[in-house]
Amino acid sequence: MWLSPVQVVGIPVAEDYEEYLGGVLDRLRAEGVRVQLDTSDDRMPKKIRTHTKARVPYQLIAGEDDGRQDP
């Protein structure tokens, strides 16, 4: 049986969302999930393709609407 070394990869739409996504991944890591944050300079389609080819089961993509808190 093959186990993915990374179960979830976080892909921020822009650098502005790395902190929010890092917090989400920290919570998953605390629960024992193997996570990685993609901070590469690659364009979004290349990031998705790279992690799909690496057979990462889940990709979390964070953008403008994510992390926004209601007043």
PDB file of N, CA and C in Angstrom:
ATOM      1  N   MET A   1       0.848  -1.174   0.000  1.00  0.00           N
ATOM      2  CA  MET A   1       0.000   0.000   0.000  1.00  0.00           C
ATOM      3  C   MET A   1       0.894   1.237   0.000  1.00  0.00           C
ATOM      4  N   TRP A   2       0.618   2.184  -0.878  1.00  0.00           N
ATOM      5  CA  TRP A   2       1.391   3.421  -0.982  1.00  0.00           C
ATOM      6  C   TRP A   2       0.694   4.521  -0.199  1.00  0.00           C
ATOM      7  N   LEU A   3       1.455   5.221   0.636  1.00  0.00           N
ATOM      8  CA  LEU A   3       0.925   6.362   1.380  1.00  0.00           C
ATOM      9  C   LEU A   3       1.573   7.622   0.855  1.00  0.00           C
ATOM     10  N   SER A   4       0.768   8.605   0.575  1.00  0.00           N
ATOM     11  CA  SER A   4       1.284   9.879   0.087  1.00  0.00           C
ATOM     12  C   SER A   4       2.080  10.566   1.189  1.00  0.00           C
ATOM     13  N   PRO A   5       3.314  11.012   0.885  1.00  0.00           N
ATOM     14  CA  PRO A   5       4.097  11.720   1.901  1.00  0.00           C
ATOM     15  C   PRO A   5       3.426  13.031   2.315  1.00  0.00           C
ATOM     16  N   VAL A   6       2.711  13.639   1.392  1.00  0.00           N
ATOM     17  CA  VAL A   6       1.957  14.867   1.675  1.00  0.00           C
ATOM     18  C   VAL A   6       0.493  14.557   1.406  1.00  0.00           C
ATOM     19  N   GLN A   7      -0.345  14.738   2.416  1.00  0.00           N
ATOM     20  CA  GLN A   7      -1.768  14.457   2.248  1.00  0.00           C
ATOM     21  C   GLN A   7      -2.534  15.674   1.749  1.00  0.00           C
ATOM     22  N   VAL A   8      -2.103  16.864   2.173  1.00  0.00           N
ATOM     23  CA  VAL A   8      -2.790  18.102   1.802  1.00  0.00           C
ATOM     24  C   VAL A   8      -1.743  19.149   1.458  1.00  0.00           C
ATOM     25  N   VAL A   9      -1.926  19.810   0.322  1.00  0.00           N
ATOM     26  CA  VAL A   9      -1.058  20.935  -0.027  1.00  0.00           C
ATOM     27  C   VAL A   9      -1.911  22.197  -0.053  1.00  0.00           C
ATOM     28  N   GLY A  10      -1.380  23.254   0.525  1.00  0.00           N
ATOM     29  CA  GLY A  10      -2.052  24.546   0.506  1.00  0.00           C
ATOM     30  C   GLY A  10      -1.475  25.397  -0.609  1.00  0.00           C
ATOM     31  N   ILE A  11      -2.354  25.937  -1.447  1.00  0.00           N
ATOM     32  CA  ILE A  11      -1.925  26.756  -2.579  1.00  0.00           C
ATOM     33  C   ILE A  11      -2.601  28.117  -2.476  1.00  0.00           C
ATOM     34  N   PRO A  12      -1.853  29.145  -2.072  1.00  0.00           N
ATOM     35  CA  PRO A  12      -2.441  30.486  -2.011  1.00  0.00           C
ATOM     36  C   PRO A  12      -2.526  31.094  -3.408  1.00  0.00           C
ATOM     37  N   VAL A  13      -3.616  31.807  -3.683  1.00  0.00           N
ATOM     38  CA  VAL A  13      -3.791  32.472  -4.973  1.00  0.00           C
ATOM     39  C   VAL A  13      -2.763  33.591  -5.130  1.00  0.00           C
ATOM     40  N   ALA A  14      -2.430  34.233  -4.019  1.00  0.00           N
ATOM     41  CA  ALA A  14      -1.418  35.295  -4.004  1.00  0.00           C
ATOM     42  C   ALA A  14      -0.699  35.242  -2.662  1.00  0.00           C
ATOM     43  N   GLU A  15       0.431  35.901  -2.589  1.00  0.00           N
ATOM     44  CA  GLU A  15       1.243  35.909  -1.371  1.00  0.00           C
ATOM     45  C   GLU A  15       0.456  36.407  -0.155  1.00  0.00           C
ATOM     46  N   ASP A  16      -0.514  37.278  -0.388  1.00  0.00           N
ATOM     47  CA  ASP A  16      -1.327  37.841   0.700  1.00  0.00           C
ATOM     48  C   ASP A  16      -2.071  36.778   1.504  1.00  0.00           C
ATOM     49  N   TYR A  17      -2.310  35.618   0.926  1.00  0.00           N
ATOM     50  CA  TYR A  17      -3.123  34.586   1.567  1.00  0.00           C
ATOM     51  C   TYR A  17      -2.291  33.476   2.207  1.00  0.00           C
ATOM     52  N   GLU A  18      -0.965  33.608   2.160  1.00  0.00           N
ATOM     53  CA  GLU A  18      -0.096  32.581   2.732  1.00  0.00           C
ATOM     54  C   GLU A  18      -0.281  32.455   4.240  1.00  0.00           C
ATOM     55  N   GLU A  19      -0.413  33.574   4.934  1.00  0.00           N
ATOM     56  CA  GLU A  19      -0.555  33.539   6.393  1.00  0.00           C
ATOM     57  C   GLU A  19      -1.843  32.821   6.800  1.00  0.00           C
ATOM     58  N   TYR A  20      -2.950  33.158   6.140  1.00  0.00           N
ATOM     59  CA  TYR A  20      -4.228  32.503   6.443  1.00  0.00           C
ATOM     60  C   TYR A  20      -4.130  30.999   6.184  1.00  0.00           C
ATOM     61  N   LEU A  21      -3.615  30.649   5.024  1.00  0.00           N
ATOM     62  CA  LEU A  21      -3.521  29.241   4.652  1.00  0.00           C
ATOM     63  C   LEU A  21      -2.556  28.503   5.576  1.00  0.00           C
ATOM     64  N   GLY A  22      -1.494  29.177   5.999  1.00  0.00           N
ATOM     65  CA  GLY A  22      -0.562  28.576   6.953  1.00  0.00           C
ATOM     66  C   GLY A  22      -1.251  28.220   8.260  1.00  0.00           C
ATOM     67  N   GLY A  23      -2.162  29.076   8.712  1.00  0.00           N
ATOM     68  CA  GLY A  23      -2.922  28.795   9.929  1.00  0.00           C
ATOM     69  C   GLY A  23      -3.819  27.581   9.780  1.00  0.00           C
ATOM     70  N   VAL A  24      -4.468  27.472   8.628  1.00  0.00           N
ATOM     71  CA  VAL A  24      -5.326  26.308   8.357  1.00  0.00           C
ATOM     72  C   VAL A  24      -4.476  25.036   8.357  1.00  0.00           C
ATOM     73  N   LEU A  25      -3.330  25.102   7.694  1.00  0.00           N
ATOM     74  CA  LEU A  25      -2.458  23.927   7.625  1.00  0.00           C
ATOM     75  C   LEU A  25      -1.882  23.576   8.997  1.00  0.00           C
ATOM     76  N   ASP A  26      -1.613  24.571   9.825  1.00  0.00           N
ATOM     77  CA  ASP A  26      -1.135  24.305  11.190  1.00  0.00           C
ATOM     78  C   ASP A  26      -2.168  23.508  11.979  1.00  0.00           C
ATOM     79  N   ARG A  27      -3.440  23.850  11.812  1.00  0.00           N
ATOM     80  CA  ARG A  27      -4.502  23.110  12.513  1.00  0.00           C
ATOM     81  C   ARG A  27      -4.586  21.666  12.020  1.00  0.00           C
ATOM     82  N   LEU A  28      -4.443  21.486  10.712  1.00  0.00           N
ATOM     83  CA  LEU A  28      -4.451  20.123  10.169  1.00  0.00           C
ATOM     84  C   LEU A  28      -3.239  19.339  10.667  1.00  0.00           C
ATOM     85  N   ARG A  29      -2.075  19.989  10.678  1.00  0.00           N
ATOM     86  CA  ARG A  29      -0.844  19.344  11.151  1.00  0.00           C
ATOM     87  C   ARG A  29      -1.000  18.899  12.611  1.00  0.00           C
ATOM     88  N   ALA A  30      -1.654  19.717  13.415  1.00  0.00           N
ATOM     89  CA  ALA A  30      -1.883  19.383  14.825  1.00  0.00           C
ATOM     90  C   ALA A  30      -2.756  18.135  14.974  1.00  0.00           C
ATOM     91  N   GLU A  31      -3.552  17.846  13.958  1.00  0.00           N
ATOM     92  CA  GLU A  31      -4.412  16.655  13.965  1.00  0.00           C
ATOM     93  C   GLU A  31      -3.724  15.449  13.326  1.00  0.00           C
ATOM     94  N   GLY A  32      -2.449  15.605  12.953  1.00  0.00           N
ATOM     95  CA  GLY A  32      -1.693  14.484  12.407  1.00  0.00           C
ATOM     96  C   GLY A  32      -1.707  14.372  10.897  1.00  0.00           C
ATOM     97  N   VAL A  33      -2.222  15.378  10.209  1.00  0.00           N
ATOM     98  CA  VAL A  33      -2.258  15.366   8.747  1.00  0.00           C
ATOM     99  C   VAL A  33      -0.915  15.878   8.226  1.00  0.00           C
ATOM    100  N   ARG A  34      -0.372  15.207   7.218  1.00  0.00           N
ATOM    101  CA  ARG A  34       0.889  15.631   6.606  1.00  0.00           C
ATOM    102  C   ARG A  34       0.575  16.706   5.564  1.00  0.00           C
ATOM    103  N   VAL A  35       1.057  17.921   5.822  1.00  0.00           N
ATOM    104  CA  VAL A  35       0.700  19.068   4.988  1.00  0.00           C
ATOM    105  C   VAL A  35       1.937  19.771   4.447  1.00  0.00           C
ATOM    106  N   GLN A  36       1.712  20.575   3.408  1.00  0.00           N
ATOM    107  CA  GLN A  36       2.770  21.379   2.801  1.00  0.00           C
ATOM    108  C   GLN A  36       2.140  22.654   2.264  1.00  0.00           C
ATOM    109  N   LEU A  37       2.843  23.766   2.389  1.00  0.00           N
ATOM    110  CA  LEU A  37       2.396  25.045   1.838  1.00  0.00           C
ATOM    111  C   LEU A  37       3.242  25.353   0.614  1.00  0.00           C
ATOM    112  N   ASP A  38       2.607  25.552  -0.527  1.00  0.00           N
ATOM    113  CA  ASP A  38       3.322  25.867  -1.767  1.00  0.00           C
ATOM    114  C   ASP A  38       3.496  27.376  -1.874  1.00  0.00           C
ATOM    115  N   THR A  39       4.712  27.841  -1.650  1.00  0.00           N
ATOM    116  CA  THR A  39       5.013  29.274  -1.747  1.00  0.00           C
ATOM    117  C   THR A  39       5.869  29.571  -2.974  1.00  0.00           C
ATOM    118  N   SER A  40       5.877  28.655  -3.925  1.00  0.00           N
ATOM    119  CA  SER A  40       6.692  28.847  -5.126  1.00  0.00           C
ATOM    120  C   SER A  40       6.159  30.004  -5.961  1.00  0.00           C
ATOM    121  N   ASP A  41       6.984  30.482  -6.866  1.00  0.00           N
ATOM    122  CA  ASP A  41       6.604  31.582  -7.756  1.00  0.00           C
ATOM    123  C   ASP A  41       5.885  31.099  -9.015  1.00  0.00           C
ATOM    124  N   ASP A  42       5.601  29.801  -9.081  1.00  0.00           N
ATOM    125  CA  ASP A  42       4.918  29.255 -10.254  1.00  0.00           C
ATOM    126  C   ASP A  42       3.504  29.811 -10.360  1.00  0.00           C
ATOM    127  N   ARG A  43       2.989  29.818 -11.583  1.00  0.00           N
ATOM    128  CA  ARG A  43       1.605  30.242 -11.802  1.00  0.00           C
ATOM    129  C   ARG A  43       0.661  29.163 -11.271  1.00  0.00           C
ATOM    130  N   MET A  44      -0.568  29.575 -10.981  1.00  0.00           N
ATOM    131  CA  MET A  44      -1.554  28.675 -10.377  1.00  0.00           C
ATOM    132  C   MET A  44      -1.731  27.359 -11.157  1.00  0.00           C
ATOM    133  N   PRO A  45      -1.933  27.378 -12.482  1.00  0.00           N
ATOM    134  CA  PRO A  45      -2.113  26.103 -13.190  1.00  0.00           C
ATOM    135  C   PRO A  45      -0.912  25.163 -13.041  1.00  0.00           C
ATOM    136  N   LYS A  46       0.296  25.722 -13.020  1.00  0.00           N
ATOM    137  CA  LYS A  46       1.490  24.887 -12.857  1.00  0.00           C
ATOM    138  C   LYS A  46       1.545  24.293 -11.453  1.00  0.00           C
ATOM    139  N   LYS A  47       1.171  25.069 -10.442  1.00  0.00           N
ATOM    140  CA  LYS A  47       1.151  24.542  -9.075  1.00  0.00           C
ATOM    141  C   LYS A  47       0.179  23.374  -8.973  1.00  0.00           C
ATOM    142  N   ILE A  48      -1.004  23.559  -9.522  1.00  0.00           N
ATOM    143  CA  ILE A  48      -2.019  22.499  -9.473  1.00  0.00           C
ATOM    144  C   ILE A  48      -1.531  21.264 -10.220  1.00  0.00           C
ATOM    145  N   ARG A  49      -0.969  21.453 -11.397  1.00  0.00           N
ATOM    146  CA  ARG A  49      -0.462  20.334 -12.196  1.00  0.00           C
ATOM    147  C   ARG A  49       0.666  19.602 -11.453  1.00  0.00           C
ATOM    148  N   THR A  50       1.573  20.370 -10.849  1.00  0.00           N
ATOM    149  CA  THR A  50       2.698  19.774 -10.121  1.00  0.00           C
ATOM    150  C   THR A  50       2.209  18.864  -9.002  1.00  0.00           C
ATOM    151  N   HIS A  51       1.259  19.336  -8.222  1.00  0.00           N
ATOM    152  CA  HIS A  51       0.789  18.547  -7.080  1.00  0.00           C
ATOM    153  C   HIS A  51      -0.141  17.414  -7.510  1.00  0.00           C
ATOM    154  N   THR A  52      -0.830  17.592  -8.626  1.00  0.00           N
ATOM    155  CA  THR A  52      -1.647  16.502  -9.165  1.00  0.00           C
ATOM    156  C   THR A  52      -0.741  15.373  -9.642  1.00  0.00           C
ATOM    157  N   LYS A  53       0.336  15.720 -10.350  1.00  0.00           N
ATOM    158  CA  LYS A  53       1.288  14.704 -10.819  1.00  0.00           C
ATOM    159  C   LYS A  53       1.981  14.010  -9.654  1.00  0.00           C
ATOM    160  N   ALA A  54       2.183  14.742  -8.556  1.00  0.00           N
ATOM    161  CA  ALA A  54       2.811  14.159  -7.363  1.00  0.00           C
ATOM    162  C   ALA A  54       1.818  13.319  -6.560  1.00  0.00           C
ATOM    163  N   ARG A  55       0.582  13.275  -7.024  1.00  0.00           N
ATOM    164  CA  ARG A  55      -0.485  12.481  -6.418  1.00  0.00           C
ATOM    165  C   ARG A  55      -0.815  12.916  -4.996  1.00  0.00           C
ATOM    166  N   VAL A  56      -0.784  14.219  -4.764  1.00  0.00           N
ATOM    167  CA  VAL A  56      -1.224  14.749  -3.470  1.00  0.00           C
ATOM    168  C   VAL A  56      -2.749  14.652  -3.462  1.00  0.00           C
ATOM    169  N   PRO A  57      -3.332  13.963  -2.483  1.00  0.00           N
ATOM    170  CA  PRO A  57      -4.774  13.720  -2.503  1.00  0.00           C
ATOM    171  C   PRO A  57      -5.653  14.970  -2.423  1.00  0.00           C
ATOM    172  N   TYR A  58      -5.230  15.969  -1.639  1.00  0.00           N
ATOM    173  CA  TYR A  58      -6.070  17.157  -1.455  1.00  0.00           C
ATOM    174  C   TYR A  58      -5.265  18.428  -1.663  1.00  0.00           C
ATOM    175  N   GLN A  59      -5.883  19.378  -2.360  1.00  0.00           N
ATOM    176  CA  GLN A  59      -5.277  20.686  -2.588  1.00  0.00           C
ATOM    177  C   GLN A  59      -6.233  21.745  -2.054  1.00  0.00           C
ATOM    178  N   LEU A  60      -5.747  22.540  -1.093  1.00  0.00           N
ATOM    179  CA  LEU A  60      -6.544  23.645  -0.556  1.00  0.00           C
ATOM    180  C   LEU A  60      -6.080  24.919  -1.242  1.00  0.00           C
ATOM    181  N   ILE A  61      -6.994  25.584  -1.911  1.00  0.00           N
ATOM    182  CA  ILE A  61      -6.665  26.819  -2.618  1.00  0.00           C
ATOM    183  C   ILE A  61      -7.355  27.969  -1.899  1.00  0.00           C
ATOM    184  N   ALA A  62      -6.564  28.948  -1.451  1.00  0.00           N
ATOM    185  CA  ALA A  62      -7.103  30.083  -0.693  1.00  0.00           C
ATOM    186  C   ALA A  62      -6.951  31.358  -1.502  1.00  0.00           C
ATOM    187  N   GLY A  63      -8.035  32.141  -1.515  1.00  0.00           N
ATOM    188  CA  GLY A  63      -8.027  33.406  -2.241  1.00  0.00           C
ATOM    189  C   GLY A  63      -8.757  34.487  -1.482  1.00  0.00           C
ATOM    190  N   GLU A  64      -9.265  35.448  -2.221  1.00  0.00           N
ATOM    191  CA  GLU A  64      -9.837  36.668  -1.648  1.00  0.00           C
ATOM    192  C   GLU A  64     -10.951  36.419  -0.630  1.00  0.00           C
ATOM    193  N   ASP A  65     -11.867  35.516  -0.917  1.00  0.00           N
ATOM    194  CA  ASP A  65     -13.009  35.292  -0.023  1.00  0.00           C
ATOM    195  C   ASP A  65     -12.656  34.444   1.195  1.00  0.00           C
ATOM    196  N   ASP A  66     -11.538  33.756   1.145  1.00  0.00           N
ATOM    197  CA  ASP A  66     -11.135  32.886   2.244  1.00  0.00           C
ATOM    198  C   ASP A  66     -10.439  33.700   3.325  1.00  0.00           C
ATOM    199  N   GLY A  67     -10.725  33.364   4.550  1.00  0.00           N
ATOM    200  CA  GLY A  67     -10.089  34.035   5.664  1.00  0.00           C
ATOM    201  C   GLY A  67     -10.740  35.347   6.046  1.00  0.00           C
ATOM    202  N   ARG A  68     -11.701  35.779   5.264  1.00  0.00           N
ATOM    203  CA  ARG A  68     -12.417  37.016   5.584  1.00  0.00           C
ATOM    204  C   ARG A  68     -13.323  36.750   6.778  1.00  0.00           C
ATOM    205  N   GLN A  69     -13.235  37.606   7.774  1.00  0.00           N
ATOM    206  CA  GLN A  69     -14.037  37.413   8.977  1.00  0.00           C
ATOM    207  C   GLN A  69     -15.253  38.319   8.939  1.00  0.00           C
ATOM    208  N   ASP A  70     -16.382  37.766   9.349  1.00  0.00           N
ATOM    209  CA  ASP A  70     -17.599  38.571   9.453  1.00  0.00           C
ATOM    210  C   ASP A  70     -17.491  39.455  10.684  1.00  0.00           C
ATOM    211  N   PRO A  71     -18.017  40.699  10.615  1.00  0.00           N
ATOM    212  CA  PRO A  71     -17.949  41.595  11.779  1.00  0.00           C
ATOM    213  C   PRO A  71     -18.757  41.094  12.952  1.00  0.00           C
TER     214      PRO A  71
END
